[in-house]
C-alpha atoms as a PDB file:
ATOM      1  CA  MET A   1     -12.471   0.088 -30.871  1.00  0.00           C
ATOM      2  CA  GLU A   2     -12.104  -2.506 -28.113  1.00  0.00           C
ATOM      3  CA  GLU A   3     -11.416   0.222 -25.531  1.00  0.00           C
ATOM      4  CA  LEU A   4     -14.582   2.030 -26.539  1.00  0.00           C
ATOM      5  CA  ALA A   5     -16.577  -1.210 -26.410  1.00  0.00           C
ATOM      6  CA  ALA A   6     -15.236  -1.952 -22.927  1.00  0.00           C
ATOM      7  CA  LYS A   7     -16.157   1.522 -21.709  1.00  0.00           C
ATOM      8  CA  GLN A   8     -19.623   1.144 -23.205  1.00  0.00           C
ATOM      9  CA  VAL A   9     -20.087  -2.165 -21.347  1.00  0.00           C
ATOM     10  CA  LEU A  10     -19.225  -0.405 -18.122  1.00  0.00           C
ATOM     11  CA  LEU A  11     -21.714   2.374 -18.778  1.00  0.00           C
ATOM     12  CA  ASP A  12     -24.459  -0.111 -19.638  1.00  0.00           C
ATOM     13  CA  PHE A  13     -23.655  -2.085 -16.515  1.00  0.00           C
ATOM     14  CA  GLU A  14     -23.942   1.027 -14.407  1.00  0.00           C
ATOM     15  CA  ILE A  15     -27.307   1.924 -15.963  1.00  0.00           C
ATOM     16  CA  ILE A  16     -28.607  -1.593 -15.194  1.00  0.00           C
ATOM     17  CA  ALA A  17     -27.368  -1.353 -11.610  1.00  0.00           C
ATOM     18  CA  LEU A  18     -29.093   2.011 -11.096  1.00  0.00           C
ATOM     19  CA  ILE A  19     -32.385   0.707 -12.590  1.00  0.00           C
ATOM     20  CA  THR A  20     -32.124  -2.367 -10.348  1.00  0.00           C
ATOM     21  CA  LEU A  21     -31.508  -0.125  -7.347  1.00  0.00           C
ATOM     22  CA  PHE A  22     -34.599   1.947  -8.111  1.00  0.00           C
ATOM     23  CA  ALA A  23     -36.801  -1.064  -8.820  1.00  0.00           C
ATOM     24  CA  GLY A  24     -35.624  -2.786  -5.651  1.00  0.00           C
ATOM     25  CA  VAL A  25     -36.354   0.191  -3.424  1.00  0.00           C
ATOM     26  CA  VAL A  26     -39.866   0.587  -4.920  1.00  0.00           C
ATOM     27  CA  THR A  27     -40.557  -3.186  -4.657  1.00  0.00           C
ATOM     28  CA  PHE A  28     -39.437  -3.414  -1.056  1.00  0.00           C
ATOM     29  CA  ALA A  29     -41.453  -0.283  -0.157  1.00  0.00           C
ATOM     30  CA  LEU A  30     -44.616  -1.865  -1.631  1.00  0.00           C
ATOM     31  CA  VAL A  31     -44.016  -5.135   0.165  1.00  0.00           C
ATOM     32  CA  ARG A  32     -43.254  -3.376   3.446  1.00  0.00           C
ATOM     33  CA  ARG A  33     -46.478  -1.314   3.090  1.00  0.00           C
ATOM     34  CA  ARG A  34     -48.483  -4.516   2.502  1.00  0.00           C
ATOM     35  CA  TYR A  35     -46.657  -6.533   5.169  1.00  0.00           C
ATOM     36  CA  PRO A  36     -45.190  -4.048   7.673  1.00  0.00           C
ATOM     37  CA  ARG A  37     -44.132  -6.647  10.226  1.00  0.00           C
ATOM     38  CA  VAL A  38     -42.302  -8.803   7.720  1.00  0.00           C
ATOM     39  CA  LEU A  39     -39.678  -6.285   6.688  1.00  0.00           C
ATOM     40  CA  GLU A  40     -38.975  -4.236   9.850  1.00  0.00           C
ATOM     41  CA  THR A  41     -36.146  -1.715   9.580  1.00  0.00           C
ATOM     42  CA  SER A  42     -34.080   0.396  11.922  1.00  0.00           C
ATOM     43  CA  ARG A  43     -34.224   4.195  12.096  1.00  0.00           C
ATOM     44  CA  ASP A  44     -30.661   5.040  11.213  1.00  0.00           C
ATOM     45  CA  PHE A  45     -31.583   6.252   7.723  1.00  0.00           C
ATOM     46  CA  ASP A  46     -34.737   7.335   5.927  1.00  0.00           C
ATOM     47  CA  GLY A  47     -36.069   7.948   2.408  1.00  0.00           C
ATOM     48  CA  PHE A  48     -34.398  11.360   2.266  1.00  0.00           C
ATOM     49  CA  ASP A  49     -30.993   9.659   2.557  1.00  0.00           C
ATOM     50  CA  LEU A  50     -31.731   7.694  -0.627  1.00  0.00           C
ATOM     51  CA  VAL A  51     -31.825  11.042  -2.383  1.00  0.00           C
ATOM     52  CA  LEU A  52     -28.996  12.816  -0.580  1.00  0.00           C
ATOM     53  CA  MET A  53     -26.542   9.890  -1.022  1.00  0.00           C
ATOM     54  CA  PHE A  54     -26.561  10.551  -4.802  1.00  0.00           C
ATOM     55  CA  LEU A  55     -25.151  14.048  -4.402  1.00  0.00           C
ATOM     56  CA  PRO A  56     -21.598  12.867  -3.571  1.00  0.00           C
ATOM     57  CA  SER A  57     -21.893   9.494  -5.380  1.00  0.00           C
ATOM     58  CA  LEU A  58     -22.775  11.130  -8.715  1.00  0.00           C
ATOM     59  CA  LEU A  59     -19.248  12.564  -8.771  1.00  0.00           C
ATOM     60  CA  PHE A  60     -18.081   8.984  -9.064  1.00  0.00           C
ATOM     61  CA  LEU A  61     -20.988   7.560 -11.044  1.00  0.00           C
ATOM     62  CA  ILE A  62     -20.510  10.105 -13.873  1.00  0.00           C
ATOM     63  CA  ASN A  63     -17.116   8.660 -14.638  1.00  0.00           C
ATOM     64  CA  PRO A  64     -18.281   5.849 -17.018  1.00  0.00           C
ATOM     65  CA  LEU A  65     -20.277   8.345 -19.043  1.00  0.00           C
ATOM     66  CA  PHE A  66     -17.272  10.695 -19.385  1.00  0.00           C
ATOM     67  CA  ALA A  67     -15.075   7.710 -20.335  1.00  0.00           C
ATOM     68  CA  VAL A  68     -17.395   6.795 -23.170  1.00  0.00           C
ATOM     69  CA  MET A  69     -17.632  10.355 -24.421  1.00  0.00           C
ATOM     70  CA  LEU A  70     -13.876  10.871 -24.407  1.00  0.00           C
ATOM     71  CA  ALA A  71     -13.230   7.492 -26.065  1.00  0.00           C
ATOM     72  CA  GLY A  72     -15.835   8.179 -28.694  1.00  0.00           C
ATOM     73  CA  LYS A  73     -14.095  11.447 -29.672  1.00  0.00           C
ATOM     74  CA  GLU A  74     -10.827   9.480 -29.961  1.00  0.00           C
ATOM     75  CA  LEU A  75      -8.886  12.171 -28.112  1.00  0.00           C
ATOM     76  CA  GLU A  76      -6.559   9.865 -26.227  1.00  0.00           C
ATOM     77  CA  VAL A  77      -2.881  10.807 -26.441  1.00  0.00           C
ATOM     78  CA  SER A  78      -0.390   8.128 -27.312  1.00  0.00           C
ATOM     79  CA  GLY A  79       2.232   7.125 -24.748  1.00  0.00           C
ATOM     80  CA  VAL A  80       2.434   7.354 -20.993  1.00  0.00           C
ATOM     81  CA  GLU A  81       2.124  10.608 -19.086  1.00  0.00           C
ATOM     82  CA  SER A  82       5.334  12.330 -18.041  1.00  0.00           C
ATOM     83  CA  ASP A  83       6.207  12.178 -14.338  1.00  0.00           C
ATOM     84  CA  GLN A  84       5.271  15.827 -13.903  1.00  0.00           C
ATOM     85  CA  GLN A  85       1.920  15.386 -15.583  1.00  0.00           C
ATOM     86  CA  ALA A  86       1.228  12.194 -13.622  1.00  0.00           C
ATOM     87  CA  VAL A  87       1.971  13.909 -10.285  1.00  0.00           C
ATOM     88  CA  GLY A  88      -0.325  16.773 -11.262  1.00  0.00           C
ATOM     89  CA  THR A  89      -3.085  14.313 -12.160  1.00  0.00           C
ATOM     90  CA  LEU A  90      -2.693  12.603  -8.777  1.00  0.00           C
ATOM     91  CA  PHE A  91      -2.997  15.919  -6.923  1.00  0.00           C
ATOM     92  CA  VAL A  92      -6.206  16.622  -8.823  1.00  0.00           C
ATOM     93  CA  ASN A  93      -7.546  13.187  -7.950  1.00  0.00           C
ATOM     94  CA  ILE A  94      -6.736  13.518  -4.299  1.00  0.00           C
ATOM     95  CA  THR A  95      -8.444  16.937  -4.233  1.00  0.00           C
ATOM     96  CA  TYR A  96     -11.475  15.311  -5.981  1.00  0.00           C
ATOM     97  CA  PHE A  97     -11.611  12.566  -3.340  1.00  0.00           C
ATOM     98  CA  LEU A  98     -11.244  15.115  -0.531  1.00  0.00           C
ATOM     99  CA  PHE A  99     -14.173  17.081  -1.941  1.00  0.00           C
ATOM    100  CA  VAL A 100     -16.382  13.949  -2.146  1.00  0.00           C
ATOM    101  CA  GLY A 101     -15.359  12.972   1.410  1.00  0.00           C
ATOM    102  CA  VAL A 102     -16.137  16.396   2.862  1.00  0.00           C
ATOM    103  CA  MET A 103     -19.450  16.468   1.010  1.00  0.00           C
ATOM    104  CA  THR A 104     -20.437  13.036   2.348  1.00  0.00           C
ATOM    105  CA  PHE A 105     -19.323  13.968   5.886  1.00  0.00           C
ATOM    106  CA  GLY A 106     -21.216  17.269   5.692  1.00  0.00           C
ATOM    107  CA  ILE A 107     -24.462  15.651   4.548  1.00  0.00           C
ATOM    108  CA  ILE A 108     -24.375  13.114   7.350  1.00  0.00           C
ATOM    109  CA  GLU A 109     -23.100  15.346  10.160  1.00  0.00           C
ATOM    110  CA  TRP A 110     -24.491  18.787   9.255  1.00  0.00           C
ATOM    111  CA  VAL A 111     -27.530  18.177   7.072  1.00  0.00           C
ATOM    112  CA  ARG A 112     -28.853  14.984   8.755  1.00  0.00           C
ATOM    113  CA  ASN A 113     -27.430  15.781  12.224  1.00  0.00           C
ATOM    114  CA  ARG A 114     -25.974  12.337  12.826  1.00  0.00           C
ATOM    115  CA  ARG A 115     -22.659  11.588  14.436  1.00  0.00           C
ATOM    116  CA  ILE A 116     -20.462   9.492  12.122  1.00  0.00           C
ATOM    117  CA  VAL A 117     -18.595   8.038  15.054  1.00  0.00           C
ATOM    118  CA  ASP A 118     -21.766   6.518  16.467  1.00  0.00           C
ATOM    119  CA  LEU A 119     -23.512   5.799  13.160  1.00  0.00           C
ATOM    120  CA  PHE A 120     -20.657   3.755  11.724  1.00  0.00           C
ATOM    121  CA  GLY A 121     -19.377   2.231  14.966  1.00  0.00           C
ATOM    122  CA  LEU A 122     -15.959   3.868  14.808  1.00  0.00           C
ATOM    123  CA  LYS A 123     -15.401   3.307  18.501  1.00  0.00           C
ATOM    124  CA  ARG A 124     -16.962  -0.130  18.649  1.00  0.00           C
ATOM    125  CA  LEU A 125     -13.769  -2.129  18.318  1.00  0.00           C
ATOM    126  CA  SER A 126     -10.322  -1.697  19.841  1.00  0.00           C
ATOM    127  CA  LEU A 127      -7.368  -0.999  17.614  1.00  0.00           C
ATOM    128  CA  PRO A 128      -5.834  -4.520  18.026  1.00  0.00           C
ATOM    129  CA  LEU A 129      -9.150  -6.111  16.944  1.00  0.00           C
ATOM    130  CA  VAL A 130      -9.407  -3.745  13.952  1.00  0.00           C
ATOM    131  CA  ILE A 131      -5.889  -4.753  12.879  1.00  0.00           C
ATOM    132  CA  ILE A 132      -6.626  -8.491  13.291  1.00  0.00           C
ATOM    133  CA  TYR A 133      -9.842  -8.265  11.276  1.00  0.00           C
ATOM    134  CA  THR A 134      -8.128  -6.071   8.688  1.00  0.00           C
ATOM    135  CA  ILE A 135      -5.331  -8.621   8.089  1.00  0.00           C
ATOM    136  CA  PHE A 136      -7.560 -11.604   8.041  1.00  0.00           C
ATOM    137  CA  GLY A 137     -10.176  -9.932   5.803  1.00  0.00           C
ATOM    138  CA  GLY A 138      -7.492  -8.464   3.563  1.00  0.00           C
ATOM    139  CA  VAL A 139      -5.793 -11.791   2.951  1.00  0.00           C
ATOM    140  CA  ALA A 140      -9.209 -13.451   2.311  1.00  0.00           C
ATOM    141  CA  SER A 141     -10.027 -10.661  -0.151  1.00  0.00           C
ATOM    142  CA  LEU A 142      -6.775 -11.169  -2.050  1.00  0.00           C
ATOM    143  CA  VAL A 143      -7.383 -14.903  -2.336  1.00  0.00           C
ATOM    144  CA  ILE A 144     -11.054 -14.686  -3.289  1.00  0.00           C
ATOM    145  CA  CYS A 145     -11.126 -11.525  -5.348  1.00  0.00           C
ATOM    146  CA  ALA A 146      -7.695 -10.799  -6.758  1.00  0.00           C
ATOM    147  CA  TRP A 147      -6.754 -14.450  -7.377  1.00  0.00           C
ATOM    148  CA  ALA A 148      -9.951 -16.470  -7.893  1.00  0.00           C
ATOM    149  CA  LEU A 149     -12.353 -13.895  -9.361  1.00  0.00           C
ATOM    150  CA  GLY A 150      -9.457 -12.085 -11.035  1.00  0.00           C
ATOM    151  CA  GLY A 151      -8.497 -15.258 -12.871  1.00  0.00           C
ATOM    152  CA  ILE A 152     -12.115 -15.903 -13.953  1.00  0.00           C
ATOM    153  CA  SER A 153     -12.487 -12.324 -15.151  1.00  0.00           C
ATOM    154  CA  GLN A 154      -9.222 -12.381 -17.081  1.00  0.00           C
ATOM    155  CA  GLU A 155     -10.225 -15.617 -18.845  1.00  0.00           C
ATOM    156  CA  LEU A 156     -13.584 -14.104 -19.801  1.00  0.00           C
ATOM    157  CA  MET A 157     -11.855 -10.944 -21.090  1.00  0.00           C
ATOM    158  CA  ASP A 158      -9.453 -12.984 -23.191  1.00  0.00           C
ATOM    159  CA  ARG A 159     -12.373 -14.752 -24.862  1.00  0.00           C
ATOM    160  CA  VAL A 160     -14.187 -11.527 -25.701  1.00  0.00           C
ATOM    161  CA  PHE A 161     -11.394  -9.015 -26.351  1.00  0.00           C
ATOM    162  CA  THR A 162      -8.136  -9.665 -28.148  1.00  0.00           C
ATOM    163  CA  GLU A 163      -6.260  -6.927 -26.273  1.00  0.00           C
ATOM    164  CA  LEU A 164      -7.311  -4.378 -23.687  1.00  0.00           C
ATOM    165  CA  ALA A 165      -4.767  -1.779 -22.615  1.00  0.00           C
ATOM    166  CA  ALA A 166      -3.852  -1.644 -18.952  1.00  0.00           C
ATOM    167  CA  GLN A 167      -5.206   1.210 -16.862  1.00  0.00           C
ATOM    168  CA  GLU A 168      -3.163   4.381 -17.562  1.00  0.00           C
ATOM    169  CA  SER A 169      -2.545   4.942 -13.822  1.00  0.00           C
ATOM    170  CA  VAL A 170      -1.228   1.375 -13.437  1.00  0.00           C
ATOM    171  CA  GLU A 171       1.013   1.688 -16.497  1.00  0.00           C
ATOM    172  CA  THR A 172       2.360   5.009 -15.289  1.00  0.00           C
ATOM    173  CA  LEU A 173       3.022   3.621 -11.816  1.00  0.00           C
ATOM    174  CA  GLN A 174       4.929   0.708 -13.257  1.00  0.00           C
ATOM    175  CA  THR A 175       7.087   2.779 -15.578  1.00  0.00           C
ATOM    176  CA  SER A 176       7.632   5.962 -13.558  1.00  0.00           C
ATOM    177  CA  ASP A 177      11.006   6.658 -11.954  1.00  0.00           C
ATOM    178  CA  SER A 178       9.574   9.446  -9.746  1.00  0.00           C
ATOM    179  CA  ILE A 179       9.684   8.777  -6.002  1.00  0.00           C
ATOM    180  CA  LEU A 180       7.198  11.614  -5.481  1.00  0.00           C
ATOM    181  CA  PHE A 181       4.743   9.966  -7.826  1.00  0.00           C
ATOM    182  CA  LEU A 182       5.110   6.635  -6.030  1.00  0.00           C
ATOM    183  CA  VAL A 183       4.565   8.231  -2.603  1.00  0.00           C
ATOM    184  CA  ILE A 184       1.507  10.204  -3.701  1.00  0.00           C
ATOM    185  CA  SER A 185       0.124   7.058  -5.421  1.00  0.00           C
ATOM    186  CA  ILE A 186       0.464   5.131  -2.180  1.00  0.00           C
ATOM    187  CA  ILE A 187      -1.292   7.887  -0.220  1.00  0.00           C
ATOM    188  CA  MET A 188      -4.064   7.991  -2.836  1.00  0.00           C
ATOM    189  CA  ALA A 189      -4.563   4.175  -2.929  1.00  0.00           C
ATOM    190  CA  CYS A 190      -4.018   3.366   0.732  1.00  0.00           C
ATOM    191  CA  VAL A 191      -5.433   6.442   2.540  1.00  0.00           C
ATOM    192  CA  ALA A 192      -7.663   8.713   0.435  1.00  0.00           C
ATOM    193  CA  ALA A 193      -9.513   6.036  -1.555  1.00  0.00           C
ATOM    194  CA  PRO A 194     -10.244   3.677   1.398  1.00  0.00           C
ATOM    195  CA  LEU A 195     -11.445   6.495   3.677  1.00  0.00           C
ATOM    196  CA  VAL A 196     -13.659   8.282   1.096  1.00  0.00           C
ATOM    197  CA  GLU A 197     -15.015   5.252  -0.729  1.00  0.00           C
ATOM    198  CA  GLU A 198     -15.839   3.347   2.425  1.00  0.00           C
ATOM    199  CA  LEU A 199     -17.487   6.373   4.045  1.00  0.00           C
ATOM    200  CA  LEU A 200     -19.599   6.820   0.946  1.00  0.00           C
ATOM    201  CA  PHE A 201     -20.274   3.308  -0.408  1.00  0.00           C
ATOM    202  CA  ARG A 202     -20.151   1.110   2.677  1.00  0.00           C
ATOM    203  CA  GLY A 203     -21.194   3.684   5.263  1.00  0.00           C
ATOM    204  CA  TYR A 204     -23.755   5.982   3.675  1.00  0.00           C
ATOM    205  CA  MET A 205     -25.001   4.293   0.487  1.00  0.00           C
ATOM    206  CA  TYR A 206     -25.038   0.680   1.744  1.00  0.00           C
ATOM    207  CA  GLY A 207     -26.657   1.822   4.982  1.00  0.00           C
ATOM    208  CA  ALA A 208     -29.409   3.779   3.303  1.00  0.00           C
ATOM    209  CA  VAL A 209     -30.149   1.170   0.670  1.00  0.00           C
ATOM    210  CA  LYS A 210     -30.003  -1.668   3.235  1.00  0.00           C
ATOM    211  CA  GLN A 211     -32.623   0.046   5.367  1.00  0.00           C
ATOM    212  CA  ALA A 212     -34.885   0.587   2.355  1.00  0.00           C
ATOM    213  CA  THR A 213     -34.456  -3.025   1.147  1.00  0.00           C
ATOM    214  CA  ASN A 214     -32.351  -5.724   2.882  1.00  0.00           C
ATOM    215  CA  PRO A 215     -28.626  -6.400   3.438  1.00  0.00           C
ATOM    216  CA  ILE A 216     -28.233  -8.898   0.588  1.00  0.00           C
ATOM    217  CA  PHE A 217     -29.852  -6.672  -2.070  1.00  0.00           C
ATOM    218  CA  ALA A 218     -27.923  -3.635  -0.821  1.00  0.00           C
ATOM    219  CA  ALA A 219     -24.570  -5.436  -0.806  1.00  0.00           C
ATOM    220  CA  VAL A 220     -25.049  -6.678  -4.344  1.00  0.00           C
ATOM    221  CA  VAL A 221     -26.253  -3.404  -5.880  1.00  0.00           C
ATOM    222  CA  ILE A 222     -23.803  -1.138  -4.038  1.00  0.00           C
ATOM    223  CA  GLY A 223     -21.094  -3.596  -4.976  1.00  0.00           C
ATOM    224  CA  ALA A 224     -22.035  -3.255  -8.640  1.00  0.00           C
ATOM    225  CA  LEU A 225     -21.875   0.559  -8.435  1.00  0.00           C
ATOM    226  CA  PHE A 226     -18.602   0.412  -6.533  1.00  0.00           C
ATOM    227  CA  SER A 227     -16.957  -1.827  -9.087  1.00  0.00           C
ATOM    228  CA  VAL A 228     -18.129   0.056 -12.156  1.00  0.00           C
ATOM    229  CA  VAL A 229     -16.926   3.532 -11.074  1.00  0.00           C
ATOM    230  CA  HIS A 230     -13.300   2.280 -11.115  1.00  0.00           C
ATOM    231  CA  GLY A 231     -13.550   2.264 -14.904  1.00  0.00           C
ATOM    232  CA  ASN A 232     -11.750  -0.998 -15.629  1.00  0.00           C
ATOM    233  CA  LEU A 233     -13.748  -3.855 -17.223  1.00  0.00           C
ATOM    234  CA  PRO A 234     -11.292  -6.691 -16.309  1.00  0.00           C
ATOM    235  CA  ALA A 235     -11.489  -5.536 -12.678  1.00  0.00           C
ATOM    236  CA  LEU A 236     -15.280  -5.316 -12.611  1.00  0.00           C
ATOM    237  CA  LEU A 237     -15.918  -8.851 -11.293  1.00  0.00           C
ATOM    238  CA  PRO A 238     -13.087  -8.877  -8.705  1.00  0.00           C
ATOM    239  CA  LEU A 239     -14.071  -5.436  -7.364  1.00  0.00           C
ATOM    240  CA  TRP A 240     -17.748  -6.493  -7.251  1.00  0.00           C
ATOM    241  CA  GLY A 241     -16.803  -9.458  -5.112  1.00  0.00           C
ATOM    242  CA  PHE A 242     -14.488  -7.335  -3.036  1.00  0.00           C
ATOM    243  CA  SER A 243     -17.236  -4.828  -2.323  1.00  0.00           C
ATOM    244  CA  ILE A 244     -19.597  -7.589  -1.174  1.00  0.00           C
ATOM    245  CA  LEU A 245     -16.873  -8.937   1.177  1.00  0.00           C
ATOM    246  CA  LEU A 246     -16.447  -5.404   2.593  1.00  0.00           C
ATOM    247  CA  CYS A 247     -20.182  -5.246   3.256  1.00  0.00           C
ATOM    248  CA  LEU A 248     -20.013  -8.632   4.985  1.00  0.00           C
ATOM    249  CA  ALA A 249     -17.113  -7.474   7.156  1.00  0.00           C
ATOM    250  CA  TYR A 250     -19.019  -4.302   8.047  1.00  0.00           C
ATOM    251  CA  GLU A 251     -22.171  -6.300   8.910  1.00  0.00           C
ATOM    252  CA  TRP A 252     -20.163  -8.711  11.063  1.00  0.00           C
ATOM    253  CA  THR A 253     -18.100  -6.148  13.002  1.00  0.00           C
ATOM    254  CA  ARG A 254     -20.435  -3.115  12.857  1.00  0.00           C
ATOM    255  CA  CYS A 255     -17.330  -1.006  12.661  1.00  0.00           C
ATOM    256  CA  LEU A 256     -16.476   0.952   9.471  1.00  0.00           C
ATOM    257  CA  TRP A 257     -12.718   0.944  10.380  1.00  0.00           C
ATOM    258  CA  VAL A 258     -12.573  -2.765   9.390  1.00  0.00           C
ATOM    259  CA  PRO A 259     -13.638  -2.319   5.718  1.00  0.00           C
ATOM    260  CA  ILE A 260     -11.478   0.790   5.563  1.00  0.00           C
ATOM    261  CA  GLY A 261      -8.522  -1.243   6.763  1.00  0.00           C
ATOM    262  CA  MET A 262      -9.286  -4.125   4.421  1.00  0.00           C
ATOM    263  CA  HIS A 263      -9.569  -1.714   1.493  1.00  0.00           C
ATOM    264  CA  ALA A 264      -6.176  -0.132   2.318  1.00  0.00           C
ATOM    265  CA  PHE A 265      -4.592  -3.583   2.782  1.00  0.00           C
ATOM    266  CA  PHE A 266      -6.008  -4.769  -0.552  1.00  0.00           C
ATOM    267  CA  ASN A 267      -4.787  -1.718  -2.435  1.00  0.00           C
ATOM    268  CA  ALA A 268      -1.331  -1.802  -0.815  1.00  0.00           C
ATOM    269  CA  ALA A 269      -0.937  -5.519  -1.670  1.00  0.00           C
ATOM    270  CA  ASN A 270      -1.908  -4.901  -5.293  1.00  0.00           C
ATOM    271  CA  ILE A 271       0.651  -2.095  -5.557  1.00  0.00           C
ATOM    272  CA  VAL A 272       3.307  -4.478  -4.286  1.00  0.00           C
ATOM    273  CA  PHE A 273       2.230  -7.148  -6.739  1.00  0.00           C
ATOM    274  CA  MET A 274       2.582  -4.655  -9.622  1.00  0.00           C
ATOM    275  CA  PHE A 275       6.297  -4.446  -8.970  1.00  0.00           C
ATOM    276  CA  VAL A 276       6.999  -8.128  -8.242  1.00  0.00           C
ATOM    277  CA  PRO A 277       7.213  -9.177 -11.913  1.00  0.00           C
ATOM    278  CA  GLN A 278       9.427  -6.189 -12.673  1.00  0.00           C
ATOM    279  CA  ALA A 279      11.744  -7.011  -9.724  1.00  0.00           C
ATOM    280  CA  ALA A 280      12.038 -10.556 -10.908  1.00  0.00           C
ATOM    281  CA  GLU A 281      13.119  -9.555 -14.432  1.00  0.00           C
END
């Protein structure tokens, strides 16, 4: 029952975030119409992008609803997936991410006729600067989000829930003896997820919402959506904070490679931390 309650909280949180997004866009539009010089915007995105951005993002945003439906039917299978099943699941997930990435790229490049390289500043910084910002931002993200916010979140979860199961993917990664599964997991976490999620959430969604509202509102709301689609209630607060830090890094550098690098660094570090306790035993 606790797992179902946790999934329901995530779904409710997503609905609130989407309502907030809609209300914010409408409110800023009314204010901008009344005071056009107060809230001036650039021309990188327009109102049509606010609609188109939901085509790829819905493939992620639908996850909390499916999680509640499956939990409500009580169809979960006991035990951890076999290595063969886990590898198959990972291949499906990578294909899923690839489809979302291609869809996002196609909407921006082919439908909206914008060059991603120029739009997201992919050539704005040299490789050494990207690496420096990635390491600095990645370490800061681990301290602020994984350690500080993670500790706060875990304490809150312990007060509300007696026992929440670990994510199945995490449990499988920690218990699997398959080298192939480990390699594909690293590719998924450190390559596919950072590239696709940053292109969609930080690049397209944050850019479109920021232009319709302002950077602070966009960072908070997109951060809420980014955190909830990962489907893990204890990680909701840390990932929300992490998303906001990624938006700040993007705003500061104007280069999407920096949040992509920070995202990959953050995921890689967390994979390492998963095995540290086991190695010490």
